[in-house]
Amino acid sequence: MTDIDICNMALRKLGADTITALTDNTKQAEACNDMWNQVRKTVFSAYPWPSCVRRRTLRCSCECIPFGWNGTFPLPDDYIALIDVYGVEPHGLAEFEIEGRSLLCNFNEVSLRYIYDNRDPDFYEPLLVDCLVLRLAAEMAYSLVGKEDVENSMLQKYHMKLNEARTRISRISTNEPTGIDTPIIERY
């Protein structure tokens, strides 16, 4: 599976011609090239897909913060959204803040579970591929087909597929230490 395979599946959903590369000199390739990276990150951040979750321990950069916190922890380069921060809840409340490309807190070391920008489609779950295809088709629909109802239909199918994925994957992912759903903090 490649990025081009996913783009071509989205194009087929729209009844458009397929492409051989994102750099092809066609309207379809231009639309895929314009939308692919943003759609990928949007779909990844919509749910903690098992193939897009990483854990990492961060060390303090010792960068001085003018006020509020004692430590700055640069977020990983592949960071998209935060799932959990471990070791920063001494009083039952999370004691950290995300600011720009850094996590701020009063500790020397923190451990994260986060959504990362997985660029290897061979590892994507089938339901993730379906969601990427539908969301990409929705985003390209108006520019390629010129019909808002096609865009709305693809977006509705995307949301239905995302709900299916949340239900199916959550059934097999119940071994989290907390046993509860955790919010995802997105990076914009």
C-alpha atoms as a PDB file:
ATOM      1  CA  MET A   1       0.000   0.000   0.000  1.00  0.00           C
ATOM      2  CA  THR A   2       1.278   3.479  -0.870  1.00  0.00           C
ATOM      3  CA  ASP A   3       0.073   7.070  -0.600  1.00  0.00           C
ATOM      4  CA  ILE A   4      -0.712   6.899  -4.331  1.00  0.00           C
ATOM      5  CA  ASP A   5      -2.868   3.782  -3.797  1.00  0.00           C
ATOM      6  CA  ILE A   6      -4.910   5.653  -1.179  1.00  0.00           C
ATOM      7  CA  CYS A   7      -5.193   8.720  -3.415  1.00  0.00           C
ATOM      8  CA  ASN A   8      -6.333   6.547  -6.336  1.00  0.00           C
ATOM      9  CA  MET A   9      -8.984   4.834  -4.201  1.00  0.00           C
ATOM     10  CA  ALA A  10     -10.305   8.307  -3.284  1.00  0.00           C
ATOM     11  CA  LEU A  11     -10.260   9.377  -6.933  1.00  0.00           C
ATOM     12  CA  ARG A  12     -12.171   6.226  -7.944  1.00  0.00           C
ATOM     13  CA  LYS A  13     -14.829   7.029  -5.320  1.00  0.00           C
ATOM     14  CA  LEU A  14     -15.319  10.294  -7.208  1.00  0.00           C
ATOM     15  CA  GLY A  15     -15.285   8.666 -10.637  1.00  0.00           C
ATOM     16  CA  ALA A  16     -12.112  10.595 -11.515  1.00  0.00           C
ATOM     17  CA  ASP A  17      -9.057   9.429 -13.436  1.00  0.00           C
ATOM     18  CA  THR A  18      -6.267   7.909 -11.336  1.00  0.00           C
ATOM     19  CA  ILE A  19      -2.695   9.174 -11.052  1.00  0.00           C
ATOM     20  CA  THR A  20       0.783   7.650 -11.100  1.00  0.00           C
ATOM     21  CA  ALA A  21       2.435  10.285  -8.864  1.00  0.00           C
ATOM     22  CA  LEU A  22       1.463  13.300  -6.777  1.00  0.00           C
ATOM     23  CA  THR A  23       3.573  15.352  -9.161  1.00  0.00           C
ATOM     24  CA  ASP A  24       1.653  14.330 -12.324  1.00  0.00           C
ATOM     25  CA  ASN A  25       0.577  17.308 -14.391  1.00  0.00           C
ATOM     26  CA  THR A  26      -3.155  16.654 -13.938  1.00  0.00           C
ATOM     27  CA  LYS A  27      -5.987  18.228 -12.005  1.00  0.00           C
ATOM     28  CA  GLN A  28      -6.381  14.982 -10.013  1.00  0.00           C
ATOM     29  CA  ALA A  29      -2.707  14.846  -8.975  1.00  0.00           C
ATOM     30  CA  GLU A  30      -2.776  18.519  -8.042  1.00  0.00           C
ATOM     31  CA  ALA A  31      -5.845  17.971  -5.839  1.00  0.00           C
ATOM     32  CA  CYS A  32      -4.275  14.915  -4.163  1.00  0.00           C
ATOM     33  CA  ASN A  33      -0.988  16.743  -3.634  1.00  0.00           C
ATOM     34  CA  ASP A  34      -2.781  19.761  -2.131  1.00  0.00           C
ATOM     35  CA  MET A  35      -4.884  17.697   0.271  1.00  0.00           C
ATOM     36  CA  TRP A  36      -2.978  14.518   1.182  1.00  0.00           C
ATOM     37  CA  ASN A  37      -0.760  15.704   4.054  1.00  0.00           C
ATOM     38  CA  GLN A  38      -3.498  17.701   5.775  1.00  0.00           C
ATOM     39  CA  VAL A  39      -6.105  14.941   5.371  1.00  0.00           C
ATOM     40  CA  ARG A  40      -3.667  12.343   6.745  1.00  0.00           C
ATOM     41  CA  LYS A  41      -2.974  14.412   9.864  1.00  0.00           C
ATOM     42  CA  THR A  42      -6.660  15.254  10.333  1.00  0.00           C
ATOM     43  CA  VAL A  43      -7.721  11.597  10.167  1.00  0.00           C
ATOM     44  CA  PHE A  44      -4.843  10.504  12.422  1.00  0.00           C
ATOM     45  CA  SER A  45      -5.862  13.066  15.055  1.00  0.00           C
ATOM     46  CA  ALA A  46      -9.535  12.025  14.935  1.00  0.00           C
ATOM     47  CA  TYR A  47      -8.821   8.771  16.780  1.00  0.00           C
ATOM     48  CA  PRO A  48      -5.782   7.093  18.399  1.00  0.00           C
ATOM     49  CA  TRP A  49      -5.267   4.543  15.615  1.00  0.00           C
ATOM     50  CA  PRO A  50      -3.006   1.748  16.932  1.00  0.00           C
ATOM     51  CA  SER A  51      -0.678   2.140  13.940  1.00  0.00           C
ATOM     52  CA  CYS A  52      -0.229   5.844  14.694  1.00  0.00           C
ATOM     53  CA  VAL A  53       0.472   5.742  18.443  1.00  0.00           C
ATOM     54  CA  ARG A  54       3.914   6.040  19.992  1.00  0.00           C
ATOM     55  CA  ARG A  55       5.355   6.291  23.464  1.00  0.00           C
ATOM     56  CA  ARG A  56       8.374   8.376  24.263  1.00  0.00           C
ATOM     57  CA  THR A  57      10.109   9.691  27.351  1.00  0.00           C
ATOM     58  CA  LEU A  58      11.180  13.307  27.048  1.00  0.00           C
ATOM     59  CA  ARG A  59      14.024  14.998  28.859  1.00  0.00           C
ATOM     60  CA  CYS A  60      13.959  18.605  29.958  1.00  0.00           C
ATOM     61  CA  SER A  61      15.688  20.946  27.521  1.00  0.00           C
ATOM     62  CA  CYS A  62      16.702  23.174  30.454  1.00  0.00           C
ATOM     63  CA  GLU A  63      15.469  26.128  28.429  1.00  0.00           C
ATOM     64  CA  CYS A  64      14.538  28.895  30.805  1.00  0.00           C
ATOM     65  CA  ILE A  65      10.836  29.781  30.914  1.00  0.00           C
ATOM     66  CA  PRO A  66      10.026  33.339  32.048  1.00  0.00           C
ATOM     67  CA  PHE A  67       7.241  32.231  34.427  1.00  0.00           C
ATOM     68  CA  GLY A  68       4.776  29.466  35.285  1.00  0.00           C
ATOM     69  CA  TRP A  69       6.811  26.293  34.758  1.00  0.00           C
ATOM     70  CA  ASN A  70      10.287  24.984  35.564  1.00  0.00           C
ATOM     71  CA  GLY A  71      10.807  22.697  32.566  1.00  0.00           C
ATOM     72  CA  THR A  72      10.478  22.770  28.788  1.00  0.00           C
ATOM     73  CA  PHE A  73      10.231  19.527  26.838  1.00  0.00           C
ATOM     74  CA  PRO A  74      10.445  19.776  23.042  1.00  0.00           C
ATOM     75  CA  LEU A  75       7.754  17.625  21.437  1.00  0.00           C
ATOM     76  CA  PRO A  76       8.897  14.932  18.988  1.00  0.00           C
ATOM     77  CA  ASP A  77       9.214  16.021  15.343  1.00  0.00           C
ATOM     78  CA  ASP A  78       6.521  13.493  14.312  1.00  0.00           C
ATOM     79  CA  TYR A  79       4.027  14.686  16.976  1.00  0.00           C
ATOM     80  CA  ILE A  80       0.454  15.348  15.841  1.00  0.00           C
ATOM     81  CA  ALA A  81      -1.695  15.053  18.982  1.00  0.00           C
ATOM     82  CA  LEU A  82      -1.303  14.161  22.636  1.00  0.00           C
ATOM     83  CA  ILE A  83      -3.089  11.167  24.148  1.00  0.00           C
ATOM     84  CA  ASP A  84      -1.531  10.855  27.630  1.00  0.00           C
ATOM     85  CA  VAL A  85       1.239  12.348  29.738  1.00  0.00           C
ATOM     86  CA  TYR A  86       2.528  10.095  32.491  1.00  0.00           C
ATOM     87  CA  GLY A  87       4.112  11.209  35.745  1.00  0.00           C
ATOM     88  CA  VAL A  88       2.655  14.720  35.990  1.00  0.00           C
ATOM     89  CA  GLU A  89      -0.376  14.121  38.215  1.00  0.00           C
ATOM     90  CA  PRO A  90       0.897  14.248  41.796  1.00  0.00           C
ATOM     91  CA  HIS A  91      -2.349  15.684  43.178  1.00  0.00           C
ATOM     92  CA  GLY A  92      -4.769  14.002  40.778  1.00  0.00           C
ATOM     93  CA  LEU A  93      -4.686  16.926  38.359  1.00  0.00           C
ATOM     94  CA  ALA A  94      -2.596  17.022  35.235  1.00  0.00           C
ATOM     95  CA  GLU A  95       0.140  19.580  35.796  1.00  0.00           C
ATOM     96  CA  PHE A  96       1.416  20.424  32.342  1.00  0.00           C
ATOM     97  CA  GLU A  97       0.686  22.636  29.381  1.00  0.00           C
ATOM     98  CA  ILE A  98       1.370  22.421  25.650  1.00  0.00           C
ATOM     99  CA  GLU A  99       2.677  25.665  24.221  1.00  0.00           C
ATOM    100  CA  GLY A 100       3.868  25.817  20.625  1.00  0.00           C
ATOM    101  CA  ARG A 101       6.110  22.801  19.997  1.00  0.00           C
ATOM    102  CA  SER A 102       6.841  22.233  23.705  1.00  0.00           C
ATOM    103  CA  LEU A 103       5.325  20.580  26.741  1.00  0.00           C
ATOM    104  CA  LEU A 104       5.786  22.656  29.898  1.00  0.00           C
ATOM    105  CA  CYS A 105       5.731  21.227  33.422  1.00  0.00           C
ATOM    106  CA  ASN A 106       7.633  21.192  36.725  1.00  0.00           C
ATOM    107  CA  PHE A 107       9.344  17.816  36.302  1.00  0.00           C
ATOM    108  CA  ASN A 108      12.712  16.700  34.935  1.00  0.00           C
ATOM    109  CA  GLU A 109      11.310  13.911  32.791  1.00  0.00           C
ATOM    110  CA  VAL A 110       7.903  13.096  31.316  1.00  0.00           C
ATOM    111  CA  SER A 111       6.570  10.161  29.334  1.00  0.00           C
ATOM    112  CA  LEU A 112       4.088  10.671  26.500  1.00  0.00           C
ATOM    113  CA  ARG A 113       1.708   8.549  24.531  1.00  0.00           C
ATOM    114  CA  TYR A 114       0.934  10.483  21.383  1.00  0.00           C
ATOM    115  CA  ILE A 115      -0.344  10.290  17.824  1.00  0.00           C
ATOM    116  CA  TYR A 116       2.523  10.486  15.390  1.00  0.00           C
ATOM    117  CA  ASP A 117       2.712  11.184  11.690  1.00  0.00           C
ATOM    118  CA  ASN A 118       3.065   7.598  10.449  1.00  0.00           C
ATOM    119  CA  ARG A 119       4.058   7.888   6.796  1.00  0.00           C
ATOM    120  CA  ASP A 120       4.140   4.141   6.066  1.00  0.00           C
ATOM    121  CA  PRO A 121       0.734   3.063   4.710  1.00  0.00           C
ATOM    122  CA  ASP A 122       1.781  -0.616   4.865  1.00  0.00           C
ATOM    123  CA  PHE A 123       1.136  -0.434   8.611  1.00  0.00           C
ATOM    124  CA  TYR A 124      -2.268   1.291   8.471  1.00  0.00           C
ATOM    125  CA  GLU A 125      -5.303  -0.618   9.697  1.00  0.00           C
ATOM    126  CA  PRO A 126      -7.884  -1.356   6.975  1.00  0.00           C
ATOM    127  CA  LEU A 127     -10.418   0.916   8.698  1.00  0.00           C
ATOM    128  CA  LEU A 128      -7.836   3.718   8.789  1.00  0.00           C
ATOM    129  CA  VAL A 129      -7.295   3.308   5.044  1.00  0.00           C
ATOM    130  CA  ASP A 130     -11.067   3.463   4.502  1.00  0.00           C
ATOM    131  CA  CYS A 131     -11.270   6.674   6.565  1.00  0.00           C
ATOM    132  CA  LEU A 132      -8.361   8.253   4.702  1.00  0.00           C
ATOM    133  CA  VAL A 133      -9.936   7.383   1.336  1.00  0.00           C
ATOM    134  CA  LEU A 134     -13.338   8.802   2.272  1.00  0.00           C
ATOM    135  CA  ARG A 135     -12.001  11.974   3.888  1.00  0.00           C
ATOM    136  CA  LEU A 136      -9.664  12.619   0.961  1.00  0.00           C
ATOM    137  CA  ALA A 137     -12.535  12.044  -1.492  1.00  0.00           C
ATOM    138  CA  ALA A 138     -14.687  14.486   0.494  1.00  0.00           C
ATOM    139  CA  GLU A 139     -11.971  17.155   0.459  1.00  0.00           C
ATOM    140  CA  MET A 140     -11.364  16.800  -3.297  1.00  0.00           C
ATOM    141  CA  ALA A 141     -14.987  16.303  -4.341  1.00  0.00           C
ATOM    142  CA  TYR A 142     -15.980  19.865  -5.081  1.00  0.00           C
ATOM    143  CA  SER A 143     -12.814  20.751  -7.000  1.00  0.00           C
ATOM    144  CA  LEU A 144     -12.945  17.567  -9.113  1.00  0.00           C
ATOM    145  CA  VAL A 145     -16.675  16.861  -9.451  1.00  0.00           C
ATOM    146  CA  GLY A 146     -18.152  20.290  -8.749  1.00  0.00           C
ATOM    147  CA  LYS A 147     -21.040  18.927  -6.703  1.00  0.00           C
ATOM    148  CA  GLU A 148     -21.469  19.771  -3.054  1.00  0.00           C
ATOM    149  CA  ASP A 149     -23.791  16.793  -2.512  1.00  0.00           C
ATOM    150  CA  VAL A 150     -20.936  14.410  -3.474  1.00  0.00           C
ATOM    151  CA  GLU A 151     -18.690  16.148  -0.936  1.00  0.00           C
ATOM    152  CA  ASN A 152     -21.385  15.859   1.761  1.00  0.00           C
ATOM    153  CA  SER A 153     -22.024  12.206   0.917  1.00  0.00           C
ATOM    154  CA  MET A 154     -18.308  11.333   1.213  1.00  0.00           C
ATOM    155  CA  LEU A 155     -18.016  13.259   4.473  1.00  0.00           C
ATOM    156  CA  GLN A 156     -21.049  11.448   5.889  1.00  0.00           C
ATOM    157  CA  LYS A 157     -19.563   8.078   4.877  1.00  0.00           C
ATOM    158  CA  TYR A 158     -16.261   9.113   6.481  1.00  0.00           C
ATOM    159  CA  HIS A 159     -17.975   9.859   9.806  1.00  0.00           C
ATOM    160  CA  MET A 160     -19.841   6.544   9.691  1.00  0.00           C
ATOM    161  CA  LYS A 161     -16.583   4.664   8.989  1.00  0.00           C
ATOM    162  CA  LEU A 162     -14.800   6.564  11.779  1.00  0.00           C
ATOM    163  CA  ASN A 163     -17.548   5.573  14.229  1.00  0.00           C
ATOM    164  CA  GLU A 164     -17.238   1.961  13.086  1.00  0.00           C
ATOM    165  CA  ALA A 165     -13.494   2.100  13.695  1.00  0.00           C
ATOM    166  CA  ARG A 166     -13.955   3.618  17.164  1.00  0.00           C
ATOM    167  CA  THR A 167     -16.328   0.807  18.091  1.00  0.00           C
ATOM    168  CA  ARG A 168     -14.282  -2.047  16.648  1.00  0.00           C
ATOM    169  CA  ILE A 169     -10.851  -0.908  17.765  1.00  0.00           C
ATOM    170  CA  SER A 170     -12.006   0.081  21.256  1.00  0.00           C
ATOM    171  CA  ARG A 171     -13.224  -3.501  21.771  1.00  0.00           C
ATOM    172  CA  ILE A 172      -9.693  -4.813  21.354  1.00  0.00           C
ATOM    173  CA  SER A 173      -7.931  -1.894  23.077  1.00  0.00           C
ATOM    174  CA  THR A 174      -9.369  -2.240  26.564  1.00  0.00           C
ATOM    175  CA  ASN A 175      -6.082  -3.002  28.301  1.00  0.00           C
ATOM    176  CA  GLU A 176      -5.155   0.617  28.922  1.00  0.00           C
ATOM    177  CA  PRO A 177      -3.818   1.180  32.447  1.00  0.00           C
ATOM    178  CA  THR A 178      -6.499   3.756  33.299  1.00  0.00           C
ATOM    179  CA  GLY A 179      -9.363   1.829  31.719  1.00  0.00           C
ATOM    180  CA  ILE A 180     -11.008   5.080  30.637  1.00  0.00           C
ATOM    181  CA  ASP A 181     -11.124   7.044  27.423  1.00  0.00           C
ATOM    182  CA  THR A 182      -8.610   9.836  27.381  1.00  0.00           C
ATOM    183  CA  PRO A 183      -8.974  13.087  25.470  1.00  0.00           C
ATOM    184  CA  ILE A 184      -6.707  13.889  22.571  1.00  0.00           C
ATOM    185  CA  ILE A 185      -5.038  17.287  22.616  1.00  0.00           C
ATOM    186  CA  GLU A 186      -4.407  18.362  19.033  1.00  0.00           C
ATOM    187  CA  ARG A 187      -1.591  20.522  17.772  1.00  0.00           C
ATOM    188  CA  TYR A 188      -2.705  23.291  15.430  1.00  0.00           C
END
